[in-house]
Protein backbone atom coordinates (compact mmCIF):
# COMPACT_ATOMS: atom_id res chain seq x y z
CA GLY A 1 135.66 84.38 110.25
CA LYS A 2 137.38 84.67 106.90
CA THR A 3 135.15 82.17 105.40
CA ALA A 4 132.11 84.34 106.26
CA GLY A 5 133.80 87.23 104.91
CA ILE A 6 134.45 85.97 101.52
CA VAL A 7 130.82 84.62 101.41
CA CYS A 8 129.55 88.09 102.24
CA GLU A 9 132.00 89.79 99.54
CA THR A 10 130.83 87.32 97.13
CA ALA A 11 127.32 88.01 97.83
CA ILE A 12 127.93 91.76 97.45
CA THR A 13 129.74 91.71 94.32
CA VAL A 14 126.67 89.32 92.76
CA TYR A 15 124.31 91.61 94.04
CA THR A 16 125.90 94.95 92.96
CA PHE A 17 126.65 93.44 89.31
CA GLY A 18 122.97 92.49 88.89
CA THR A 19 122.07 95.78 90.04
CA CYS A 20 123.83 97.59 87.30
CA ILE A 21 122.30 95.17 84.93
CA ALA A 22 118.86 96.13 86.07
CA PHE A 23 119.83 99.76 85.75
CA LEU A 24 120.68 99.74 82.30
CA ILE A 25 117.77 97.81 81.30
CA ILE A 26 115.69 100.60 82.82
CA ILE A 27 117.61 103.13 80.92
CA GLY A 28 116.73 101.10 77.85
CA ASP A 29 112.82 100.91 78.90
CA GLN A 30 112.53 104.69 79.41
CA GLN A 31 114.58 105.71 76.32
CA GLU A 32 112.40 103.64 73.91
CA LYS A 33 109.32 105.63 75.37
CA LEU A 34 111.16 109.06 75.11
CA ILE A 35 112.38 108.17 71.28
CA ALA A 36 108.62 106.94 70.41
CA ALA A 37 107.42 110.36 71.91
CA PHE A 38 109.87 112.30 69.93
CA MET A 39 109.23 110.67 66.69
CA LYS A 40 105.72 110.55 67.21
CA LEU A 41 105.31 106.94 66.95
CA GLY A 42 102.12 104.60 67.75
CA GLU A 43 102.21 102.59 70.82
CA ASP A 44 102.90 99.79 68.95
CA ALA A 45 104.98 100.97 66.13
CA GLU A 46 108.93 100.67 66.07
CA SER A 47 111.26 102.55 64.50
CA SER A 48 113.31 101.24 61.42
CA HIS A 49 116.17 103.78 62.29
CA TRP A 50 119.57 102.24 63.55
CA TYR A 51 119.98 105.42 65.61
CA THR A 52 116.88 104.56 67.53
CA ASP A 53 117.78 100.84 68.36
CA ARG A 54 117.54 100.09 71.88
CA LYS A 55 121.02 98.16 72.01
CA PHE A 56 122.61 101.55 70.11
CA THR A 57 120.89 103.96 72.54
CA ILE A 58 121.93 101.99 75.61
CA SER A 59 125.40 101.74 74.51
CA VAL A 60 125.88 105.53 73.71
CA THR A 61 124.32 106.41 76.95
CA ALA A 62 126.68 103.90 79.05
CA PHE A 63 129.94 104.94 77.08
CA LEU A 64 129.43 108.92 77.18
CA LEU A 65 127.56 109.21 80.31
CA ILE A 66 127.93 105.96 82.82
CA LEU A 67 131.55 105.23 82.13
CA PRO A 68 133.08 108.48 83.01
CA LEU A 69 131.53 108.62 86.35
CA SER A 70 132.27 105.15 87.12
CA ILE A 71 136.41 105.61 86.74
CA PRO A 72 137.06 108.09 89.53
CA LYS A 73 138.47 106.50 92.82
CA GLU A 74 136.05 108.53 94.88
CA ILE A 75 132.15 108.91 94.70
CA SER A 76 132.22 112.31 96.91
CA PHE A 77 131.83 114.29 93.60
CA GLN A 78 128.26 112.84 92.89
CA LYS A 79 126.57 114.42 95.68
CA TYR A 80 125.09 117.45 93.66
CA ALA A 81 123.80 115.01 90.72
CA SER A 82 122.41 112.55 93.55
CA CYS A 83 120.26 115.42 95.06
CA LEU A 84 119.00 116.12 91.34
CA SER A 85 118.04 112.46 91.24
CA VAL A 86 116.35 112.53 94.65
CA ILE A 87 114.30 115.42 93.41
CA GLY A 88 113.61 113.45 90.03
CA THR A 89 112.30 110.60 92.10
CA TRP A 90 109.97 112.94 93.93
CA TYR A 91 108.50 114.17 90.64
CA VAL A 92 107.87 110.72 89.45
CA THR A 93 105.85 110.06 92.44
CA ILE A 94 103.72 113.14 92.27
CA ILE A 95 103.22 112.78 88.62
CA ILE A 96 101.79 108.90 89.23
CA ILE A 97 99.54 110.47 92.01
CA VAL A 98 98.18 113.17 89.92
CA LYS A 99 97.62 110.93 86.85
CA TYR A 100 95.70 108.66 89.64
CA ILE A 101 93.45 111.51 90.76
CA TRP A 102 92.68 112.74 87.31
CA LEU A 103 92.21 109.56 85.66
CA ASP A 104 92.16 109.59 81.94
CA SER A 105 89.16 107.38 80.55
CA GLU A 106 91.75 105.64 78.37
CA MET A 107 93.58 104.45 81.18
CA ALA A 108 90.73 103.07 83.22
CA PRO A 109 91.83 99.83 84.93
CA ARG A 110 89.65 96.82 83.78
CA ASP A 111 90.41 94.59 87.10
CA ILE A 112 91.88 95.48 90.11
CA PRO A 113 92.49 92.71 92.58
CA SER A 114 91.57 93.46 96.05
CA SER A 115 93.81 90.31 97.44
CA PRO A 116 96.61 88.24 96.20
CA SER A 117 95.68 85.27 94.22
CA SER A 118 97.58 83.01 96.75
CA TRP A 119 100.54 83.06 99.47
CA ILE A 120 102.95 82.31 96.97
CA ALA A 121 102.36 85.31 95.15
CA VAL A 122 102.91 87.21 98.31
CA PHE A 123 106.30 85.65 98.79
CA ASN A 124 106.97 86.34 94.79
CA ALA A 125 106.54 89.96 95.47
CA MET A 126 109.37 90.17 98.58
CA PRO A 127 112.19 90.40 95.78
CA THR A 128 111.33 93.26 94.52
CA ILE A 129 110.43 95.09 97.68
CA CYS A 130 113.66 94.12 99.17
CA PHE A 131 115.40 95.08 96.11
CA GLY A 132 113.85 98.84 96.61
CA PHE A 133 114.53 99.03 100.24
CA GLN A 134 118.09 97.42 99.91
CA CYS A 135 120.76 100.32 100.50
CA HIS A 136 123.01 98.66 102.89
CA VAL A 137 125.75 97.88 100.33
CA SER A 138 126.23 101.38 99.31
CA GLY A 139 125.89 102.61 103.17
CA VAL A 140 129.38 102.21 103.86
CA PRO A 141 131.13 104.46 100.95
CA VAL A 142 128.16 106.94 101.75
CA PHE A 143 129.15 107.03 105.49
CA ASN A 144 132.83 107.55 104.38
CA CYS A 145 132.05 110.50 102.30
CA MET A 146 130.13 112.46 104.69
CA LYS A 147 131.54 115.77 106.18
CA THR A 148 131.07 114.53 109.68
CA PRO A 149 131.18 111.13 109.61
CA ASP A 150 129.44 109.83 113.07
CA VAL A 151 127.21 107.45 114.22
CA LYS A 152 124.44 109.91 115.34
CA THR A 153 124.49 111.87 112.15
CA TRP A 154 124.08 108.86 110.42
CA GLY A 155 121.27 107.64 111.99
CA GLY A 156 119.80 110.64 110.82
CA VAL A 157 120.54 110.39 107.33
CA VAL A 158 119.40 106.48 107.25
CA THR A 159 116.20 107.45 108.99
CA ALA A 160 115.28 110.41 106.56
CA ALA A 161 116.32 108.40 103.73
CA MET A 162 114.10 105.36 104.49
CA ILE A 163 111.08 107.92 105.23
CA ILE A 164 111.61 109.36 101.67
CA ALA A 165 111.78 105.73 100.04
CA LEU A 166 108.98 104.56 102.02
CA PHE A 167 106.66 107.44 100.58
CA VAL A 168 108.08 107.36 97.03
CA TYR A 169 107.56 103.34 96.97
CA THR A 170 104.34 103.35 98.36
CA GLY A 171 102.87 106.65 96.67
CA THR A 172 104.32 105.02 93.23
CA GLY A 173 103.23 101.47 93.82
CA VAL A 174 99.71 102.21 95.14
CA CYS A 175 98.53 104.76 92.65
CA GLY A 176 100.22 103.14 89.79
CA PHE A 177 98.47 99.70 90.65
CA LEU A 178 95.00 101.76 91.21
CA THR A 179 95.56 103.34 87.69
CA PHE A 180 96.27 100.26 85.62
CA GLY A 181 95.11 97.38 87.84
CA ALA A 182 96.44 93.81 87.04
CA ALA A 183 97.50 95.33 83.70
CA VAL A 184 100.22 97.33 85.22
CA ASN A 185 103.69 96.76 83.90
CA GLN A 186 106.56 95.88 86.33
CA ASP A 187 108.15 99.22 85.04
CA VAL A 188 105.19 101.51 85.89
CA LEU A 189 106.21 104.36 83.76
CA MET A 190 106.04 101.80 80.75
CA SER A 191 101.98 101.48 81.32
CA TYR A 192 101.82 105.24 80.32
CA PRO A 193 101.44 106.26 76.67
CA SER A 194 104.66 107.67 74.97
CA ASN A 195 102.70 110.92 73.91
CA ASP A 196 102.11 111.96 77.62
CA ILE A 197 104.55 114.84 78.01
CA ALA A 198 104.46 114.92 81.89
CA VAL A 199 105.42 111.18 82.10
CA ALA A 200 108.28 111.95 79.63
CA PHE A 201 109.64 114.43 82.04
CA ALA A 202 109.42 111.79 84.70
CA ARG A 203 111.35 109.21 82.58
CA THR A 204 114.01 111.45 81.91
CA PHE A 205 114.28 111.88 85.61
CA ILE A 206 114.59 108.34 86.13
CA ILE A 207 117.34 107.97 83.38
CA ILE A 208 119.38 110.61 85.68
CA SER A 209 118.70 109.09 88.58
CA VAL A 210 120.13 105.58 87.26
CA LEU A 211 123.02 107.17 85.86
CA THR A 212 124.04 108.40 89.20
CA SER A 213 123.58 105.15 90.84
CA TYR A 214 125.38 102.83 88.63
CA PRO A 215 128.64 104.31 89.48
CA ILE A 216 127.90 104.01 93.25
CA LEU A 217 127.07 100.26 92.84
CA LEU A 218 129.75 99.73 90.79
CA PHE A 219 132.30 101.63 93.03
CA CYS A 220 130.82 98.96 96.29
CA GLY A 221 131.44 95.91 93.87
CA ARG A 222 134.88 97.23 92.68
CA ALA A 223 136.18 97.99 96.10
CA VAL A 224 134.93 94.35 97.11
CA LEU A 225 137.04 93.07 94.02
CA GLU A 226 140.08 95.14 95.44
CA GLY A 227 139.97 94.06 98.86
CA LEU A 228 139.63 90.11 97.57
CA TRP A 229 142.97 90.77 95.22
CA LEU A 230 144.89 92.53 98.19
CA ARG A 231 144.02 89.77 100.35
CA TYR A 232 145.13 87.14 97.82
CA LYS A 233 148.20 88.77 97.30
CA GLY A 234 148.78 89.63 100.82
CA GLU A 235 149.33 93.39 100.65
CA THR A 236 148.10 96.50 101.97
CA VAL A 237 146.42 99.18 100.19
CA GLU A 238 149.23 101.56 100.96
CA GLU A 239 151.84 99.02 99.64
CA ASP A 240 149.79 98.82 96.37
CA VAL A 241 149.27 102.24 95.30
CA VAL A 242 151.65 102.40 92.21
CA CYS A 243 149.19 99.64 90.84
CA GLU A 244 146.16 100.93 91.68
CA ARG A 245 145.04 103.22 89.08
CA ARG A 246 145.73 100.43 86.52
CA ARG A 247 144.03 97.97 88.21
CA ARG A 248 141.11 100.18 88.78
CA LEU A 249 140.62 101.01 85.21
CA LEU A 250 140.75 97.45 84.34
CA GLN A 251 138.41 96.35 86.96
CA THR A 252 135.98 99.28 85.87
CA LEU A 253 136.12 98.50 82.15
CA THR A 254 135.36 94.57 82.65
CA TRP A 255 132.88 95.37 85.14
CA PHE A 256 131.06 97.89 82.62
CA LEU A 257 131.32 95.77 79.56
CA LEU A 258 130.01 92.63 80.93
CA THR A 259 126.92 94.51 82.62
CA LEU A 260 126.32 96.16 79.34
CA ILE A 261 126.51 93.19 77.37
CA LEU A 262 124.16 91.31 79.45
CA ALA A 263 121.66 94.35 79.75
CA LEU A 264 121.42 94.24 75.91
CA PHE A 265 120.32 90.43 75.87
CA ILE A 266 118.35 90.48 78.91
CA PRO A 267 115.46 92.89 78.15
CA ASP A 268 113.13 91.75 80.88
CA ILE A 269 114.29 93.67 84.33
CA GLY A 270 111.92 91.26 86.22
CA LYS A 271 114.14 88.54 85.42
CA VAL A 272 117.30 90.46 86.94
CA ILE A 273 115.05 91.51 90.18
CA SER A 274 114.05 88.29 90.82
CA ILE A 275 117.28 86.90 91.02
CA ILE A 276 119.18 89.62 92.98
CA GLY A 277 116.13 90.32 95.18
CA GLY A 278 116.87 87.16 97.17
CA LEU A 279 120.25 88.64 97.91
CA ALA A 280 118.93 91.84 99.02
CA ALA A 281 116.77 90.19 101.49
CA CYS A 282 119.94 88.52 103.01
CA PHE A 283 121.30 92.22 103.21
CA ILE A 284 118.30 93.12 104.93
CA PHE A 285 117.33 90.68 107.14
CA ILE A 286 120.58 88.34 107.91
CA PHE A 287 123.76 90.57 107.24
CA PRO A 288 122.73 93.45 109.84
CA VAL A 289 121.99 91.04 112.23
CA GLY A 290 125.00 89.45 112.18
CA GLY A 291 126.79 92.36 112.37
CA PHE A 292 125.02 93.56 115.72
CA TRP A 293 126.09 90.36 117.26
CA SER A 294 129.56 90.73 116.20
CA LEU A 295 129.37 94.23 117.50
CA MET A 296 127.94 93.23 120.87
CA GLU A 297 131.20 90.64 121.46
CA CYS A 298 133.82 93.50 120.69
CA SER A 299 135.09 94.16 123.94
CA TRP A 300 136.61 97.57 122.51
CA LEU A 301 133.51 99.25 121.27
CA PRO A 302 130.94 99.27 124.53
CA LEU A 303 127.23 100.02 123.28
CA GLU A 304 127.34 102.84 125.43
CA HIS A 305 129.05 104.65 122.93
CA LEU A 306 126.20 104.34 120.50
CA PHE A 307 123.14 106.28 120.44
CA LEU A 308 120.79 103.26 120.68
CA ASP A 309 120.48 100.65 123.42
CA ARG A 310 120.34 97.07 122.49
CA PRO A 311 116.75 96.70 121.73
CA GLN A 312 116.67 100.04 119.93
CA LEU A 313 119.91 99.17 118.17
CA MET A 314 118.31 95.70 116.76
CA LEU A 315 115.13 97.07 115.71
CA PHE A 316 117.40 99.92 113.91
CA LEU A 317 119.33 97.34 111.80
CA LEU A 318 115.98 95.60 110.66
CA THR A 319 114.57 98.24 109.49
């Protein structure tokens, strides 16, 4: 219904907004380590130069790289950059696995818990897990940008993406934890020393990955805001083409500046993930099931037209 649609759109807006903040914080974290490596600073030393300040480097990167990528109306042009970011995440995982296999004596873990301290700790980890595997929001615009947007091809794309994400997250998480134990940082790359060249390349790839991911999330949030505005005005997209560009620029700049300001003053990514992770869980466990039941009630779309039967489709939506 209309009310449920507004609730879903609001949740999507809040989630994408919070994720954009998290992306900017990640950029700041990795840039701090890269700058320390270039300037040959110690782990606890801080540079006194204004141009190495975290707020300055995040702002410059955001204005010069992220904002130009966020303004275009479509996101299909990012397919090449996205391929580079995927390769970069593989590199990060390989480096963390290699670093665990050939463990440096200086990074030997002091304490490796073999079980969670309590069931509460298990549930506290769920927002982070859901945040990592939540790609439902960006799925729709990516589907529309496909060369042949059909359900069978899309099923293959989603399955391949989830398999890649599973291996990347599992390899990074397990080996990172076994390397540093309970002392591991929430951002595992932050646990490695700044002067490690291989890890420095991994940090660079993470920055590239985030630079290509931020505009996609902004696009999703902007599309939701645009839909709410047109619904409020009682107009269609075709009727409002003249003002679309002006409104798109205003929405993009407002979104960009708000996320940037909040990222500058919220340096802890764990706080952001703990909030938006709950919404990510809703997108994974609740919204797909609701969409499935709505699909079953559609008389104009028999399930025979889909490549899965009902039990398989339910399992596909949940995973």
